[in-house]
Amino acid sequence: GKLQEVSPFLRALLMGSFAKALSQLGNVASARLAAPAAANTSRGILQSSVANKSGLSLLLDGTLKEGHDMKTFGLGTAASFASVQRYARFTVAMHHIYSTMEASLDAANSHAVAPFWETFGVSLRRGNSLAQDLDDVA
């Protein structure tokens, strides 16, 4: 186009300016990402987050990693967040799974299951949270 119509010197100058501008934009973006973010922003939440796995959560995480190809598992999970429709389908499925599991555990009379669920049930329940997520995407 028009860039080819100008002299080689001017073309080099213009391209150099463009490259310099891109470089400066990159520097500004890097500085913004390095700076502390407001706590209520996505970046701020990620910057202030700490490892939250301990006890049962840590053990379950290890079991998940042993039983799954985490790259495939991660890609599948990421794909479920690619659009609101995909997220809604994923959340509906998880809501059905968790609600059924929680109802079964609530009704369990097993001497092995009942104490486990009494101890960890509050921290493991997801049915209500998933229902709230569904309200947000409906």
N, C-alpha and C. Protein backbone atom coordinates (compact mmCIF):
# COMPACT_ATOMS: atom_id res chain seq x y z
N GLY A 1 0.80 -1.17 0.00
CA GLY A 1 0.00 0.00 0.00
C GLY A 1 0.85 1.24 0.00
N LYS A 2 0.45 2.22 0.77
CA LYS A 2 1.09 3.54 0.78
C LYS A 2 2.51 3.49 1.33
N LEU A 3 2.80 2.56 2.24
CA LEU A 3 4.14 2.47 2.81
C LEU A 3 5.16 2.11 1.74
N GLN A 4 4.77 1.35 0.75
CA GLN A 4 5.69 0.96 -0.32
C GLN A 4 5.94 2.12 -1.29
N GLU A 5 5.09 3.14 -1.29
CA GLU A 5 5.24 4.29 -2.19
C GLU A 5 6.27 5.29 -1.67
N VAL A 6 6.63 5.22 -0.39
CA VAL A 6 7.60 6.17 0.16
C VAL A 6 9.01 5.62 0.01
N SER A 7 9.98 6.49 0.18
CA SER A 7 11.39 6.09 0.02
C SER A 7 11.78 5.04 1.05
N PRO A 8 12.78 4.21 0.74
CA PRO A 8 13.24 3.20 1.70
C PRO A 8 13.65 3.81 3.04
N PHE A 9 14.23 5.00 3.01
CA PHE A 9 14.65 5.65 4.25
C PHE A 9 13.44 6.00 5.10
N LEU A 10 12.43 6.63 4.48
CA LEU A 10 11.23 7.03 5.21
C LEU A 10 10.48 5.79 5.71
N ARG A 11 10.44 4.75 4.89
CA ARG A 11 9.78 3.51 5.29
C ARG A 11 10.45 2.95 6.55
N ALA A 12 11.78 2.92 6.57
CA ALA A 12 12.51 2.41 7.72
C ALA A 12 12.23 3.27 8.95
N LEU A 13 12.17 4.58 8.75
CA LEU A 13 11.89 5.50 9.84
C LEU A 13 10.50 5.25 10.41
N LEU A 14 9.50 5.12 9.51
CA LEU A 14 8.13 4.88 9.96
C LEU A 14 8.01 3.55 10.70
N MET A 15 8.63 2.50 10.14
CA MET A 15 8.57 1.19 10.78
C MET A 15 9.29 1.22 12.12
N GLY A 16 10.40 1.96 12.18
CA GLY A 16 11.11 2.08 13.44
C GLY A 16 10.26 2.77 14.48
N SER A 17 9.53 3.79 14.08
CA SER A 17 8.65 4.50 15.01
C SER A 17 7.53 3.59 15.49
N PHE A 18 7.00 2.79 14.57
CA PHE A 18 5.94 1.87 14.93
C PHE A 18 6.45 0.82 15.93
N ALA A 19 7.64 0.28 15.63
CA ALA A 19 8.23 -0.71 16.53
C ALA A 19 8.52 -0.10 17.90
N LYS A 20 9.01 1.16 17.88
CA LYS A 20 9.29 1.84 19.15
C LYS A 20 8.00 2.06 19.93
N ALA A 21 6.94 2.46 19.24
CA ALA A 21 5.65 2.68 19.91
C ALA A 21 5.14 1.37 20.51
N LEU A 22 5.27 0.27 19.77
CA LEU A 22 4.84 -1.03 20.30
C LEU A 22 5.65 -1.40 21.53
N SER A 23 6.95 -1.15 21.47
CA SER A 23 7.82 -1.45 22.60
C SER A 23 7.41 -0.64 23.82
N GLN A 24 7.11 0.65 23.60
CA GLN A 24 6.71 1.50 24.72
C GLN A 24 5.38 1.04 25.30
N LEU A 25 4.45 0.62 24.44
CA LEU A 25 3.18 0.09 24.94
C LEU A 25 3.42 -1.15 25.79
N GLY A 26 4.33 -2.01 25.32
CA GLY A 26 4.67 -3.20 26.09
C GLY A 26 5.25 -2.86 27.44
N ASN A 27 6.09 -1.83 27.50
CA ASN A 27 6.67 -1.40 28.77
C ASN A 27 5.60 -0.88 29.72
N VAL A 28 4.65 -0.11 29.19
CA VAL A 28 3.56 0.42 30.01
C VAL A 28 2.71 -0.73 30.54
N ALA A 29 2.39 -1.69 29.66
CA ALA A 29 1.57 -2.83 30.08
C ALA A 29 2.29 -3.63 31.15
N SER A 30 3.60 -3.85 30.99
CA SER A 30 4.37 -4.60 31.98
C SER A 30 4.37 -3.87 33.33
N ALA A 31 4.53 -2.57 33.28
CA ALA A 31 4.54 -1.78 34.52
C ALA A 31 3.18 -1.85 35.21
N ARG A 32 2.10 -1.78 34.43
CA ARG A 32 0.75 -1.87 35.01
C ARG A 32 0.52 -3.21 35.66
N LEU A 33 0.98 -4.29 35.00
CA LEU A 33 0.77 -5.62 35.55
C LEU A 33 1.60 -5.85 36.81
N ALA A 34 2.75 -5.21 36.90
CA ALA A 34 3.61 -5.38 38.07
C ALA A 34 3.11 -4.57 39.26
N ALA A 35 2.40 -3.47 38.98
CA ALA A 35 1.92 -2.60 40.05
C ALA A 35 0.79 -3.29 40.82
N PRO A 36 0.67 -3.00 42.11
CA PRO A 36 -0.44 -3.57 42.88
C PRO A 36 -1.78 -3.13 42.29
N ALA A 37 -2.73 -4.06 42.28
CA ALA A 37 -4.06 -3.77 41.75
C ALA A 37 -5.04 -3.64 42.90
N ALA A 38 -6.16 -3.00 42.63
CA ALA A 38 -7.21 -2.88 43.65
C ALA A 38 -7.66 -4.29 44.05
N ALA A 39 -7.91 -4.48 45.32
CA ALA A 39 -8.23 -5.80 45.85
C ALA A 39 -9.49 -6.40 45.23
N ASN A 40 -10.41 -5.58 44.76
CA ASN A 40 -11.67 -6.10 44.23
C ASN A 40 -11.64 -6.34 42.72
N THR A 41 -10.47 -6.24 42.10
CA THR A 41 -10.36 -6.54 40.67
C THR A 41 -9.83 -7.95 40.50
N SER A 42 -10.04 -8.52 39.32
CA SER A 42 -9.55 -9.88 39.06
C SER A 42 -8.05 -9.97 39.29
N ARG A 43 -7.32 -8.99 38.79
CA ARG A 43 -5.87 -8.99 38.96
C ARG A 43 -5.49 -8.87 40.43
N GLY A 44 -6.22 -8.04 41.16
CA GLY A 44 -5.94 -7.88 42.58
C GLY A 44 -6.20 -9.16 43.36
N ILE A 45 -7.27 -9.86 43.01
CA ILE A 45 -7.58 -11.12 43.68
C ILE A 45 -6.47 -12.13 43.42
N LEU A 46 -6.02 -12.21 42.16
CA LEU A 46 -4.94 -13.15 41.83
C LEU A 46 -3.64 -12.77 42.53
N GLN A 47 -3.34 -11.47 42.60
CA GLN A 47 -2.11 -11.04 43.24
C GLN A 47 -2.11 -11.33 44.74
N SER A 48 -3.27 -11.26 45.37
CA SER A 48 -3.32 -11.45 46.82
C SER A 48 -3.68 -12.87 47.23
N SER A 49 -3.91 -13.75 46.26
CA SER A 49 -4.31 -15.11 46.61
C SER A 49 -3.13 -15.89 47.16
N VAL A 50 -3.45 -16.83 48.01
CA VAL A 50 -2.45 -17.71 48.58
C VAL A 50 -2.94 -19.15 48.43
N ALA A 51 -2.04 -20.09 48.55
CA ALA A 51 -2.43 -21.49 48.46
C ALA A 51 -3.47 -21.77 49.54
N ASN A 52 -4.57 -22.38 49.14
CA ASN A 52 -5.65 -22.62 50.10
C ASN A 52 -5.90 -24.10 50.32
N LYS A 53 -5.00 -24.92 49.86
CA LYS A 53 -5.19 -26.36 50.00
C LYS A 53 -4.50 -26.86 51.26
N SER A 54 -5.29 -27.48 52.11
CA SER A 54 -4.75 -28.10 53.31
C SER A 54 -5.68 -29.25 53.68
N GLY A 55 -5.22 -30.14 54.49
CA GLY A 55 -6.05 -31.24 54.96
C GLY A 55 -6.64 -32.07 53.84
N LEU A 56 -7.95 -32.27 53.91
CA LEU A 56 -8.66 -33.09 52.94
C LEU A 56 -8.53 -32.53 51.53
N SER A 57 -8.62 -31.21 51.39
CA SER A 57 -8.52 -30.58 50.08
C SER A 57 -7.18 -30.92 49.41
N LEU A 58 -6.12 -30.90 50.17
CA LEU A 58 -4.80 -31.23 49.65
C LEU A 58 -4.74 -32.70 49.23
N LEU A 59 -5.31 -33.58 50.05
CA LEU A 59 -5.33 -35.00 49.71
C LEU A 59 -6.15 -35.28 48.46
N LEU A 60 -7.31 -34.64 48.35
CA LEU A 60 -8.15 -34.82 47.17
C LEU A 60 -7.47 -34.28 45.92
N ASP A 61 -6.75 -33.18 46.06
CA ASP A 61 -6.02 -32.60 44.94
C ASP A 61 -4.96 -33.59 44.44
N GLY A 62 -4.25 -34.24 45.36
CA GLY A 62 -3.26 -35.24 44.98
C GLY A 62 -3.89 -36.41 44.25
N THR A 63 -5.05 -36.85 44.73
CA THR A 63 -5.77 -37.95 44.07
C THR A 63 -6.20 -37.55 42.67
N LEU A 64 -6.66 -36.32 42.52
CA LEU A 64 -7.07 -35.82 41.20
C LEU A 64 -5.89 -35.85 40.24
N LYS A 65 -4.75 -35.38 40.69
CA LYS A 65 -3.56 -35.32 39.83
C LYS A 65 -3.06 -36.72 39.47
N GLU A 66 -3.19 -37.66 40.39
CA GLU A 66 -2.75 -39.03 40.10
C GLU A 66 -3.68 -39.71 39.10
N GLY A 67 -4.95 -39.40 39.14
CA GLY A 67 -5.94 -40.11 38.31
C GLY A 67 -6.29 -39.44 37.00
N HIS A 68 -5.76 -38.27 36.73
CA HIS A 68 -6.12 -37.54 35.51
C HIS A 68 -4.88 -37.00 34.81
N ASP A 69 -4.95 -36.92 33.50
CA ASP A 69 -3.95 -36.19 32.73
C ASP A 69 -4.33 -34.72 32.90
N MET A 70 -3.56 -34.00 33.70
CA MET A 70 -3.94 -32.64 34.08
C MET A 70 -3.99 -31.68 32.90
N LYS A 71 -3.18 -31.92 31.86
CA LYS A 71 -3.23 -31.05 30.69
C LYS A 71 -4.58 -31.19 30.00
N THR A 72 -5.01 -32.43 29.79
CA THR A 72 -6.31 -32.67 29.16
C THR A 72 -7.43 -32.17 30.05
N PHE A 73 -7.32 -32.47 31.35
CA PHE A 73 -8.33 -32.03 32.31
C PHE A 73 -8.43 -30.51 32.32
N GLY A 74 -7.28 -29.83 32.33
CA GLY A 74 -7.26 -28.37 32.35
C GLY A 74 -7.83 -27.77 31.08
N LEU A 75 -7.49 -28.35 29.93
CA LEU A 75 -8.02 -27.84 28.66
C LEU A 75 -9.53 -28.02 28.58
N GLY A 76 -10.01 -29.16 29.06
CA GLY A 76 -11.46 -29.38 29.07
C GLY A 76 -12.18 -28.41 29.97
N THR A 77 -11.59 -28.15 31.13
CA THR A 77 -12.18 -27.19 32.06
C THR A 77 -12.15 -25.78 31.46
N ALA A 78 -11.02 -25.41 30.87
CA ALA A 78 -10.91 -24.09 30.25
C ALA A 78 -11.92 -23.93 29.12
N ALA A 79 -12.14 -24.98 28.35
CA ALA A 79 -13.11 -24.91 27.25
C ALA A 79 -14.52 -24.65 27.78
N SER A 80 -14.80 -25.15 28.99
CA SER A 80 -16.14 -24.94 29.54
C SER A 80 -16.37 -23.49 29.96
N PHE A 81 -15.32 -22.69 30.00
CA PHE A 81 -15.45 -21.27 30.35
C PHE A 81 -15.34 -20.36 29.12
N ALA A 82 -15.32 -20.96 27.93
CA ALA A 82 -15.09 -20.19 26.70
C ALA A 82 -16.26 -19.29 26.34
N SER A 83 -17.44 -19.61 26.80
CA SER A 83 -18.60 -18.76 26.51
C SER A 83 -19.60 -18.93 27.65
N VAL A 84 -20.54 -18.03 27.72
CA VAL A 84 -21.57 -18.11 28.77
C VAL A 84 -22.38 -19.39 28.60
N GLN A 85 -22.69 -19.76 27.35
CA GLN A 85 -23.48 -20.96 27.11
C GLN A 85 -22.73 -22.22 27.58
N ARG A 86 -21.44 -22.30 27.25
CA ARG A 86 -20.66 -23.46 27.69
C ARG A 86 -20.54 -23.50 29.20
N TYR A 87 -20.33 -22.33 29.81
CA TYR A 87 -20.23 -22.28 31.27
C TYR A 87 -21.56 -22.71 31.89
N ALA A 88 -22.66 -22.28 31.32
CA ALA A 88 -23.98 -22.65 31.85
C ALA A 88 -24.17 -24.17 31.77
N ARG A 89 -23.80 -24.79 30.64
CA ARG A 89 -23.93 -26.25 30.50
C ARG A 89 -23.05 -26.96 31.54
N PHE A 90 -21.83 -26.51 31.69
CA PHE A 90 -20.90 -27.09 32.66
C PHE A 90 -21.47 -26.96 34.07
N THR A 91 -21.99 -25.79 34.39
CA THR A 91 -22.51 -25.53 35.73
C THR A 91 -23.77 -26.34 36.01
N VAL A 92 -24.63 -26.50 35.02
CA VAL A 92 -25.82 -27.35 35.19
C VAL A 92 -25.39 -28.77 35.52
N ALA A 93 -24.41 -29.29 34.76
CA ALA A 93 -23.93 -30.65 35.01
C ALA A 93 -23.35 -30.78 36.41
N MET A 94 -22.51 -29.82 36.80
CA MET A 94 -21.90 -29.87 38.13
C MET A 94 -22.96 -29.74 39.23
N HIS A 95 -23.98 -28.92 38.98
CA HIS A 95 -25.05 -28.75 39.96
C HIS A 95 -25.79 -30.07 40.18
N HIS A 96 -26.10 -30.78 39.10
CA HIS A 96 -26.78 -32.07 39.23
C HIS A 96 -25.90 -33.07 39.98
N ILE A 97 -24.63 -33.11 39.63
CA ILE A 97 -23.71 -34.06 40.28
C ILE A 97 -23.59 -33.75 41.77
N TYR A 98 -23.31 -32.50 42.11
CA TYR A 98 -23.11 -32.15 43.52
C TYR A 98 -24.40 -32.27 44.32
N SER A 99 -25.52 -31.86 43.76
CA SER A 99 -26.78 -31.96 44.49
C SER A 99 -27.13 -33.41 44.80
N THR A 100 -26.94 -34.29 43.82
CA THR A 100 -27.21 -35.71 44.03
C THR A 100 -26.25 -36.30 45.06
N MET A 101 -24.98 -35.97 44.93
CA MET A 101 -23.98 -36.48 45.86
C MET A 101 -24.26 -35.99 47.28
N GLU A 102 -24.57 -34.72 47.42
CA GLU A 102 -24.82 -34.15 48.75
C GLU A 102 -26.06 -34.76 49.38
N ALA A 103 -27.12 -34.97 48.60
CA ALA A 103 -28.34 -35.60 49.13
C ALA A 103 -28.04 -37.03 49.58
N SER A 104 -27.23 -37.75 48.81
CA SER A 104 -26.87 -39.12 49.18
C SER A 104 -26.03 -39.14 50.45
N LEU A 105 -25.09 -38.23 50.56
CA LEU A 105 -24.25 -38.16 51.76
C LEU A 105 -25.05 -37.72 52.97
N ASP A 106 -26.02 -36.81 52.78
CA ASP A 106 -26.88 -36.39 53.89
C ASP A 106 -27.69 -37.57 54.43
N ALA A 107 -28.10 -38.47 53.54
CA ALA A 107 -28.94 -39.61 53.93
C ALA A 107 -28.13 -40.83 54.36
N ALA A 108 -26.82 -40.79 54.22
CA ALA A 108 -25.98 -41.96 54.51
C ALA A 108 -25.99 -42.30 55.99
N ASN A 109 -26.13 -43.60 56.27
CA ASN A 109 -26.10 -44.09 57.65
C ASN A 109 -24.82 -44.85 57.97
N SER A 110 -23.95 -44.96 56.98
CA SER A 110 -22.72 -45.72 57.14
C SER A 110 -21.86 -45.12 58.25
N HIS A 111 -21.25 -46.02 59.04
CA HIS A 111 -20.38 -45.56 60.12
C HIS A 111 -19.09 -44.94 59.57
N ALA A 112 -18.76 -45.24 58.32
CA ALA A 112 -17.57 -44.64 57.70
C ALA A 112 -17.92 -43.31 57.05
N VAL A 113 -19.10 -43.22 56.43
CA VAL A 113 -19.46 -42.03 55.66
C VAL A 113 -20.00 -40.91 56.55
N ALA A 114 -20.88 -41.24 57.48
CA ALA A 114 -21.54 -40.21 58.29
C ALA A 114 -20.54 -39.32 59.05
N PRO A 115 -19.56 -39.87 59.75
CA PRO A 115 -18.60 -38.99 60.45
C PRO A 115 -17.78 -38.13 59.48
N PHE A 116 -17.41 -38.72 58.33
CA PHE A 116 -16.67 -37.97 57.32
C PHE A 116 -17.50 -36.77 56.85
N TRP A 117 -18.76 -37.01 56.52
CA TRP A 117 -19.62 -35.96 55.99
C TRP A 117 -19.94 -34.92 57.06
N GLU A 118 -20.08 -35.36 58.30
CA GLU A 118 -20.31 -34.41 59.39
C GLU A 118 -19.09 -33.50 59.59
N THR A 119 -17.91 -34.07 59.39
CA THR A 119 -16.67 -33.29 59.58
C THR A 119 -16.40 -32.36 58.42
N PHE A 120 -16.54 -32.85 57.19
CA PHE A 120 -16.12 -32.08 56.02
C PHE A 120 -17.26 -31.56 55.14
N GLY A 121 -18.48 -31.94 55.44
CA GLY A 121 -19.60 -31.59 54.57
C GLY A 121 -19.76 -30.10 54.32
N VAL A 122 -19.58 -29.30 55.35
CA VAL A 122 -19.76 -27.85 55.19
C VAL A 122 -18.78 -27.29 54.17
N SER A 123 -17.53 -27.73 54.23
CA SER A 123 -16.52 -27.18 53.32
C SER A 123 -16.59 -27.81 51.93
N LEU A 124 -17.22 -28.98 51.80
CA LEU A 124 -17.27 -29.65 50.50
C LEU A 124 -18.54 -29.35 49.71
N ARG A 125 -19.57 -28.85 50.36
CA ARG A 125 -20.83 -28.59 49.65
C ARG A 125 -20.64 -27.53 48.56
N ARG A 126 -21.22 -27.80 47.40
CA ARG A 126 -21.15 -26.86 46.28
C ARG A 126 -22.51 -26.64 45.63
N GLY A 127 -23.50 -27.43 45.99
CA GLY A 127 -24.81 -27.34 45.35
C GLY A 127 -25.42 -25.95 45.36
N ASN A 128 -25.45 -25.31 46.53
CA ASN A 128 -26.04 -23.97 46.63
C ASN A 128 -25.24 -22.93 45.86
N SER A 129 -23.91 -23.02 45.92
CA SER A 129 -23.07 -22.08 45.18
C SER A 129 -23.28 -22.24 43.68
N LEU A 130 -23.39 -23.47 43.22
CA LEU A 130 -23.62 -23.71 41.79
C LEU A 130 -25.00 -23.20 41.38
N ALA A 131 -25.99 -23.34 42.25
CA ALA A 131 -27.33 -22.81 41.95
C ALA A 131 -27.29 -21.29 41.82
N GLN A 132 -26.51 -20.63 42.68
CA GLN A 132 -26.35 -19.18 42.57
C GLN A 132 -25.65 -18.79 41.28
N ASP A 133 -24.62 -19.57 40.88
CA ASP A 133 -23.95 -19.32 39.61
C ASP A 133 -24.95 -19.45 38.45
N LEU A 134 -25.82 -20.45 38.52
CA LEU A 134 -26.81 -20.63 37.46
C LEU A 134 -27.77 -19.44 37.39
N ASP A 135 -28.13 -18.90 38.54
CA ASP A 135 -28.97 -17.71 38.54
C ASP A 135 -28.29 -16.54 37.82
N ASP A 136 -26.97 -16.45 37.97
CA ASP A 136 -26.21 -15.36 37.35
C ASP A 136 -26.12 -15.50 35.83
N VAL A 137 -26.11 -16.72 35.32
CA VAL A 137 -25.96 -16.91 33.87
C VAL A 137 -27.27 -17.18 33.16
N ALA A 138 -28.35 -17.30 33.90
CA ALA A 138 -29.66 -17.58 33.30
C ALA A 138 -30.26 -16.34 32.67
